[in-house]
């Protein structure tokens, strides 16, 4: 009788442990995400036909340079992976800490100097800014 109770208790313990491991693994496997308050500025570019690759690269390097000089820029992305419409051929994105940082960037003399050069090289560009309420 004692051995049946011990075996039953051992089985119940093993079952409880297995259920605990399953539940813990399930909880860990849940996809977690956040909705940050940062502002992401995304730009796609269609270069003028005669723009040399070195000038295109200089524009993108300028985005990285601005990130080091303008407060409130958190991250930059300089490589477009899937750009639509297809006639556009480059992209970059800048993540700002806040709406105030994005607004300060737009008014910055550092950004103005970069834009004065960039705007002479692009045929067209489109941009959006996204954030969370």
N, C-alpha and C. Protein backbone atom coordinates (compact mmCIF):
# COMPACT_ATOMS: atom_id res chain seq x y z
N UNK A 1 0.83 -1.18 0.00
CA UNK A 1 0.00 0.00 0.00
C UNK A 1 0.87 1.25 0.00
N UNK A 2 1.93 1.24 0.87
CA UNK A 2 2.83 2.38 0.91
C UNK A 2 3.51 2.59 -0.44
N UNK A 3 3.87 1.52 -1.11
CA UNK A 3 4.57 1.67 -2.38
C UNK A 3 3.65 2.24 -3.44
N UNK A 4 2.35 1.91 -3.40
CA UNK A 4 1.41 2.51 -4.34
C UNK A 4 1.25 4.01 -4.09
N UNK A 5 1.23 4.38 -2.82
CA UNK A 5 1.10 5.80 -2.47
C UNK A 5 2.34 6.55 -2.92
N UNK A 6 3.52 5.94 -2.68
CA UNK A 6 4.76 6.58 -3.11
C UNK A 6 4.81 6.70 -4.62
N UNK A 7 4.41 5.64 -5.33
CA UNK A 7 4.42 5.69 -6.80
C UNK A 7 3.42 6.72 -7.30
N UNK A 8 2.26 6.81 -6.66
CA UNK A 8 1.25 7.80 -7.04
C UNK A 8 1.75 9.21 -6.79
N UNK A 9 2.39 9.40 -5.63
CA UNK A 9 2.94 10.71 -5.31
C UNK A 9 4.05 11.08 -6.27
N UNK A 10 4.91 10.10 -6.59
CA UNK A 10 6.00 10.36 -7.53
C UNK A 10 5.45 10.70 -8.91
N UNK A 11 4.41 9.99 -9.34
CA UNK A 11 3.80 10.27 -10.64
C UNK A 11 3.16 11.66 -10.65
N UNK A 12 2.49 11.99 -9.56
CA UNK A 12 1.85 13.30 -9.47
C UNK A 12 2.91 14.41 -9.48
N UNK A 13 4.02 14.18 -8.78
CA UNK A 13 5.10 15.16 -8.75
C UNK A 13 5.72 15.32 -10.14
N UNK A 14 5.95 14.18 -10.79
CA UNK A 14 6.52 14.23 -12.14
C UNK A 14 5.58 14.95 -13.10
N UNK A 15 4.29 14.68 -12.98
CA UNK A 15 3.30 15.32 -13.84
C UNK A 15 3.25 16.83 -13.57
N UNK A 16 3.31 17.21 -12.29
CA UNK A 16 3.30 18.62 -11.93
C UNK A 16 4.55 19.32 -12.46
N UNK A 17 5.71 18.68 -12.35
CA UNK A 17 6.95 19.26 -12.89
C UNK A 17 6.88 19.41 -14.40
N UNK A 18 6.38 18.38 -15.07
CA UNK A 18 6.26 18.44 -16.53
C UNK A 18 5.33 19.58 -16.94
N UNK A 19 4.20 19.70 -16.23
CA UNK A 19 3.26 20.78 -16.55
C UNK A 19 3.91 22.14 -16.29
N UNK A 20 4.67 22.24 -15.21
CA UNK A 20 5.37 23.49 -14.90
C UNK A 20 6.39 23.85 -15.97
N UNK A 21 7.16 22.86 -16.40
CA UNK A 21 8.14 23.12 -17.46
C UNK A 21 7.45 23.53 -18.76
N UNK A 22 6.35 22.86 -19.09
CA UNK A 22 5.60 23.19 -20.30
C UNK A 22 5.07 24.63 -20.21
N UNK A 23 4.44 24.95 -19.09
CA UNK A 23 3.88 26.30 -18.92
C UNK A 23 4.98 27.36 -18.95
N UNK A 24 6.11 27.07 -18.31
CA UNK A 24 7.23 28.02 -18.31
C UNK A 24 7.79 28.20 -19.70
N UNK A 25 7.94 27.12 -20.45
CA UNK A 25 8.43 27.20 -21.82
C UNK A 25 7.47 27.94 -22.72
N UNK A 26 6.19 27.70 -22.52
CA UNK A 26 5.17 28.40 -23.30
C UNK A 26 5.23 29.90 -23.03
N UNK A 27 5.35 30.27 -21.77
CA UNK A 27 5.42 31.69 -21.42
C UNK A 27 6.66 32.34 -22.02
N UNK A 28 7.79 31.64 -21.99
CA UNK A 28 9.02 32.19 -22.55
C UNK A 28 8.95 32.32 -24.06
N UNK A 29 8.19 31.44 -24.69
CA UNK A 29 8.11 31.43 -26.15
C UNK A 29 7.17 32.50 -26.69
N UNK A 30 6.38 33.14 -25.86
CA UNK A 30 5.46 34.18 -26.31
C UNK A 30 6.26 35.35 -26.89
N UNK A 31 5.83 35.82 -28.02
CA UNK A 31 6.50 36.95 -28.68
C UNK A 31 6.20 38.22 -27.91
N UNK A 32 7.22 38.89 -27.46
CA UNK A 32 7.07 40.13 -26.71
C UNK A 32 7.45 41.30 -27.63
N UNK A 33 6.73 42.39 -27.51
CA UNK A 33 7.06 43.58 -28.27
C UNK A 33 6.69 44.80 -27.44
N UNK A 34 7.15 45.96 -27.91
CA UNK A 34 6.90 47.20 -27.21
C UNK A 34 6.31 48.20 -28.19
N UNK A 35 5.72 49.25 -27.70
CA UNK A 35 5.24 50.35 -28.54
C UNK A 35 5.92 51.63 -28.03
N UNK A 36 7.18 51.84 -28.45
CA UNK A 36 7.93 52.97 -27.92
C UNK A 36 7.36 54.31 -28.38
N UNK A 37 7.72 55.34 -27.66
CA UNK A 37 7.27 56.70 -27.98
C UNK A 37 8.24 57.41 -28.92
N UNK A 38 9.28 56.73 -29.35
CA UNK A 38 10.23 57.35 -30.28
C UNK A 38 9.54 57.63 -31.61
N UNK A 39 10.19 58.46 -32.43
CA UNK A 39 9.69 58.82 -33.76
C UNK A 39 10.66 58.26 -34.78
N UNK A 40 10.14 57.54 -35.77
CA UNK A 40 10.98 56.97 -36.83
C UNK A 40 10.66 57.71 -38.13
N UNK A 41 11.70 58.27 -38.73
CA UNK A 41 11.63 59.04 -39.98
C UNK A 41 12.21 58.15 -41.07
N UNK A 42 11.40 57.78 -42.05
CA UNK A 42 11.83 56.88 -43.13
C UNK A 42 11.75 57.64 -44.46
N UNK A 43 12.84 57.55 -45.23
CA UNK A 43 12.93 58.27 -46.51
C UNK A 43 13.33 57.28 -47.61
N UNK A 44 12.62 57.34 -48.74
CA UNK A 44 13.05 56.60 -49.93
C UNK A 44 13.48 57.62 -50.97
N UNK A 45 14.50 57.25 -51.74
CA UNK A 45 15.14 58.19 -52.66
C UNK A 45 15.17 57.64 -54.08
N UNK A 46 14.90 58.51 -55.02
CA UNK A 46 15.12 58.24 -56.44
C UNK A 46 16.18 59.24 -56.87
N UNK A 47 17.40 58.73 -57.13
CA UNK A 47 18.51 59.60 -57.50
C UNK A 47 18.34 60.13 -58.92
N UNK A 48 18.92 61.29 -59.19
CA UNK A 48 19.01 61.78 -60.57
C UNK A 48 19.91 60.80 -61.34
N UNK A 49 19.68 60.68 -62.62
CA UNK A 49 20.37 59.67 -63.43
C UNK A 49 21.89 59.81 -63.42
N UNK A 50 22.41 61.01 -63.39
CA UNK A 50 23.86 61.21 -63.52
C UNK A 50 24.62 61.24 -62.19
N UNK A 51 23.96 60.96 -61.10
CA UNK A 51 24.63 61.06 -59.79
C UNK A 51 25.60 59.89 -59.63
N UNK A 52 26.88 60.18 -59.38
CA UNK A 52 27.87 59.11 -59.18
C UNK A 52 27.63 58.38 -57.85
N UNK A 53 28.02 57.12 -57.83
CA UNK A 53 27.86 56.30 -56.62
C UNK A 53 28.55 56.94 -55.41
N UNK A 54 29.68 57.58 -55.62
CA UNK A 54 30.41 58.22 -54.51
C UNK A 54 29.57 59.32 -53.86
N UNK A 55 28.83 60.07 -54.67
CA UNK A 55 27.97 61.13 -54.12
C UNK A 55 26.78 60.54 -53.37
N UNK A 56 26.23 59.45 -53.90
CA UNK A 56 25.13 58.77 -53.21
C UNK A 56 25.60 58.30 -51.83
N UNK A 57 26.79 57.72 -51.81
CA UNK A 57 27.34 57.23 -50.54
C UNK A 57 27.62 58.38 -49.58
N UNK A 58 28.05 59.51 -50.12
CA UNK A 58 28.32 60.69 -49.29
C UNK A 58 27.04 61.16 -48.59
N UNK A 59 25.92 61.10 -49.29
CA UNK A 59 24.64 61.48 -48.69
C UNK A 59 24.30 60.55 -47.53
N UNK A 60 24.43 59.24 -47.74
CA UNK A 60 24.11 58.28 -46.68
C UNK A 60 25.10 58.37 -45.52
N UNK A 61 26.37 58.60 -45.82
CA UNK A 61 27.35 58.81 -44.75
C UNK A 61 27.00 60.08 -43.97
N UNK A 62 26.43 61.06 -44.65
CA UNK A 62 26.01 62.29 -43.98
C UNK A 62 24.91 62.05 -42.96
N UNK A 63 24.04 61.08 -43.22
CA UNK A 63 23.00 60.73 -42.25
C UNK A 63 23.65 60.23 -40.97
N UNK A 64 24.64 59.36 -41.13
CA UNK A 64 25.35 58.82 -39.97
C UNK A 64 26.11 59.94 -39.25
N UNK A 65 26.70 60.84 -39.99
CA UNK A 65 27.44 61.96 -39.41
C UNK A 65 26.49 62.85 -38.59
N UNK A 66 25.31 63.13 -39.14
CA UNK A 66 24.33 63.94 -38.40
C UNK A 66 23.93 63.26 -37.10
N UNK A 67 23.80 61.95 -37.13
CA UNK A 67 23.39 61.21 -35.92
C UNK A 67 24.38 61.43 -34.78
N UNK A 68 25.63 61.62 -35.11
CA UNK A 68 26.64 61.86 -34.09
C UNK A 68 26.69 63.30 -33.61
N UNK A 69 26.03 64.20 -34.32
CA UNK A 69 26.10 65.62 -33.99
C UNK A 69 24.80 66.24 -33.49
N UNK A 70 23.68 65.65 -33.85
CA UNK A 70 22.39 66.22 -33.48
C UNK A 70 21.82 65.44 -32.31
N UNK A 71 21.60 66.10 -31.17
CA UNK A 71 21.06 65.39 -30.00
C UNK A 71 19.67 64.81 -30.29
N UNK A 72 19.39 63.69 -29.66
CA UNK A 72 18.07 63.08 -29.76
C UNK A 72 17.93 62.01 -30.83
N UNK A 73 18.99 61.78 -31.63
CA UNK A 73 18.93 60.70 -32.61
C UNK A 73 19.41 59.43 -31.92
N UNK A 74 18.56 58.39 -31.94
CA UNK A 74 18.88 57.13 -31.26
C UNK A 74 19.56 56.13 -32.20
N UNK A 75 19.01 55.97 -33.41
CA UNK A 75 19.50 54.95 -34.35
C UNK A 75 19.31 55.44 -35.77
N UNK A 76 20.14 54.90 -36.68
CA UNK A 76 19.96 55.15 -38.11
C UNK A 76 20.05 53.83 -38.86
N UNK A 77 19.33 53.76 -39.98
CA UNK A 77 19.42 52.64 -40.90
C UNK A 77 19.77 53.24 -42.25
N UNK A 78 20.72 52.62 -42.95
CA UNK A 78 21.24 53.23 -44.18
C UNK A 78 21.10 52.33 -45.40
N UNK A 79 20.47 51.21 -45.27
CA UNK A 79 20.35 50.26 -46.38
C UNK A 79 18.88 49.92 -46.59
N UNK A 80 18.36 50.25 -47.75
CA UNK A 80 16.99 49.86 -48.08
C UNK A 80 16.97 48.41 -48.54
N UNK A 81 16.10 47.62 -47.99
CA UNK A 81 16.02 46.20 -48.38
C UNK A 81 14.93 45.95 -49.41
N UNK A 82 13.77 46.51 -49.21
CA UNK A 82 12.66 46.34 -50.14
C UNK A 82 12.02 47.70 -50.31
N UNK A 83 12.28 48.34 -51.44
CA UNK A 83 11.83 49.71 -51.65
C UNK A 83 10.76 49.72 -52.73
N UNK A 84 9.66 50.38 -52.42
CA UNK A 84 8.60 50.54 -53.40
C UNK A 84 8.14 51.98 -53.37
N UNK A 85 7.87 52.59 -54.50
CA UNK A 85 7.87 52.04 -55.84
C UNK A 85 9.27 51.62 -56.30
N UNK A 86 9.32 50.72 -57.24
CA UNK A 86 10.57 50.11 -57.68
C UNK A 86 11.56 51.07 -58.31
N UNK A 87 11.11 52.18 -58.86
CA UNK A 87 12.05 53.12 -59.47
C UNK A 87 12.85 53.91 -58.43
N UNK A 88 12.49 53.78 -57.17
CA UNK A 88 13.29 54.37 -56.09
C UNK A 88 14.39 53.39 -55.76
N UNK A 89 15.57 53.90 -55.42
CA UNK A 89 16.71 52.99 -55.32
C UNK A 89 17.58 53.15 -54.08
N UNK A 90 17.14 53.92 -53.11
CA UNK A 90 17.90 54.03 -51.85
C UNK A 90 16.92 54.41 -50.75
N UNK A 91 17.34 54.19 -49.54
CA UNK A 91 16.49 54.54 -48.39
C UNK A 91 17.36 54.73 -47.16
N UNK A 92 16.81 55.51 -46.22
CA UNK A 92 17.43 55.60 -44.90
C UNK A 92 16.32 55.86 -43.89
N UNK A 93 16.62 55.59 -42.64
CA UNK A 93 15.67 55.85 -41.56
C UNK A 93 16.44 56.39 -40.36
N UNK A 94 15.79 57.28 -39.64
CA UNK A 94 16.37 57.86 -38.43
C UNK A 94 15.35 57.70 -37.32
N UNK A 95 15.79 57.17 -36.18
CA UNK A 95 14.93 57.07 -35.01
C UNK A 95 15.29 58.18 -34.03
N UNK A 96 14.29 58.96 -33.65
CA UNK A 96 14.47 60.05 -32.70
C UNK A 96 13.90 59.65 -31.34
N UNK A 97 14.49 60.16 -30.29
CA UNK A 97 14.02 59.87 -28.94
C UNK A 97 12.59 60.35 -28.70
N UNK A 98 12.19 61.42 -29.37
CA UNK A 98 10.89 62.04 -29.11
C UNK A 98 10.47 62.90 -30.29
N UNK A 99 9.24 63.38 -30.23
CA UNK A 99 8.76 64.32 -31.25
C UNK A 99 9.59 65.61 -31.20
N UNK A 100 9.93 66.06 -30.00
CA UNK A 100 10.74 67.28 -29.87
C UNK A 100 12.10 67.10 -30.54
N UNK A 101 12.71 65.93 -30.41
CA UNK A 101 14.01 65.68 -31.05
C UNK A 101 13.86 65.67 -32.57
N UNK A 102 12.78 65.09 -33.09
CA UNK A 102 12.54 65.08 -34.54
C UNK A 102 12.34 66.51 -35.06
N UNK A 103 11.62 67.31 -34.30
CA UNK A 103 11.39 68.70 -34.70
C UNK A 103 12.70 69.50 -34.67
N UNK A 104 13.53 69.26 -33.65
CA UNK A 104 14.81 69.96 -33.54
C UNK A 104 15.73 69.59 -34.71
N UNK A 105 15.72 68.32 -35.11
CA UNK A 105 16.50 67.85 -36.27
C UNK A 105 16.09 68.62 -37.52
N UNK A 106 14.79 68.75 -37.73
CA UNK A 106 14.29 69.43 -38.93
C UNK A 106 14.75 70.87 -39.01
N UNK A 107 14.97 71.51 -37.87
CA UNK A 107 15.38 72.92 -37.82
C UNK A 107 16.88 73.11 -37.63
N UNK A 108 17.62 72.02 -37.48
CA UNK A 108 19.05 72.09 -37.18
C UNK A 108 19.85 72.63 -38.37
N UNK A 109 20.82 73.52 -38.12
CA UNK A 109 21.70 73.96 -39.21
C UNK A 109 22.55 72.82 -39.77
N UNK A 110 22.83 71.81 -38.95
CA UNK A 110 23.57 70.64 -39.44
C UNK A 110 22.73 69.89 -40.47
N UNK A 111 21.45 69.72 -40.18
CA UNK A 111 20.54 69.07 -41.14
C UNK A 111 20.39 69.93 -42.38
N UNK A 112 20.29 71.24 -42.21
CA UNK A 112 20.13 72.13 -43.37
C UNK A 112 21.34 72.03 -44.31
N UNK A 113 22.54 72.00 -43.77
CA UNK A 113 23.74 71.89 -44.61
C UNK A 113 23.74 70.57 -45.37
N UNK A 114 23.35 69.49 -44.70
CA UNK A 114 23.28 68.18 -45.36
C UNK A 114 22.21 68.21 -46.46
N UNK A 115 21.04 68.76 -46.14
CA UNK A 115 19.92 68.78 -47.09
C UNK A 115 20.24 69.64 -48.31
N UNK A 116 20.97 70.72 -48.12
CA UNK A 116 21.34 71.57 -49.26
C UNK A 116 22.10 70.77 -50.31
N UNK A 117 22.95 69.86 -49.89
CA UNK A 117 23.69 69.01 -50.83
C UNK A 117 22.80 67.89 -51.37
N UNK A 118 22.10 67.21 -50.47
CA UNK A 118 21.26 66.07 -50.82
C UNK A 118 20.19 66.43 -51.85
N UNK A 119 19.54 67.56 -51.65
CA UNK A 119 18.43 67.93 -52.53
C UNK A 119 18.87 68.19 -53.96
N UNK A 120 20.14 68.50 -54.19
CA UNK A 120 20.63 68.71 -55.55
C UNK A 120 20.85 67.39 -56.29
N UNK A 121 20.90 66.28 -55.54
CA UNK A 121 21.24 64.98 -56.13
C UNK A 121 20.03 64.07 -56.36
N UNK A 122 18.95 64.35 -55.68
CA UNK A 122 17.80 63.45 -55.80
C UNK A 122 16.80 63.99 -56.79
N UNK A 123 16.23 63.06 -57.55
CA UNK A 123 15.15 63.44 -58.46
C UNK A 123 13.86 63.60 -57.68
N UNK A 124 13.67 62.66 -56.74
CA UNK A 124 12.46 62.68 -55.93
C UNK A 124 12.74 61.89 -54.65
N UNK A 125 12.03 62.25 -53.60
CA UNK A 125 12.08 61.44 -52.38
C UNK A 125 10.72 61.51 -51.71
N UNK A 126 10.47 60.51 -50.91
CA UNK A 126 9.22 60.45 -50.14
C UNK A 126 9.59 60.08 -48.72
N UNK A 127 8.90 60.67 -47.78
CA UNK A 127 9.22 60.37 -46.39
C UNK A 127 7.94 60.25 -45.56
N UNK A 128 8.07 59.49 -44.49
CA UNK A 128 7.01 59.37 -43.50
C UNK A 128 7.66 59.39 -42.13
N UNK A 129 6.88 59.76 -41.15
CA UNK A 129 7.31 59.63 -39.76
C UNK A 129 6.24 58.83 -39.04
N UNK A 130 6.69 57.86 -38.24
CA UNK A 130 5.75 57.04 -37.48
C UNK A 130 6.14 57.06 -36.01
N UNK A 131 5.12 56.94 -35.17
CA UNK A 131 5.33 56.91 -33.73
C UNK A 131 4.12 56.21 -33.09
N UNK A 132 4.08 56.24 -31.79
CA UNK A 132 2.95 55.70 -31.05
C UNK A 132 2.37 56.80 -30.19
N UNK A 133 1.05 56.75 -29.98
CA UNK A 133 0.43 57.79 -29.14
C UNK A 133 0.88 57.70 -27.70
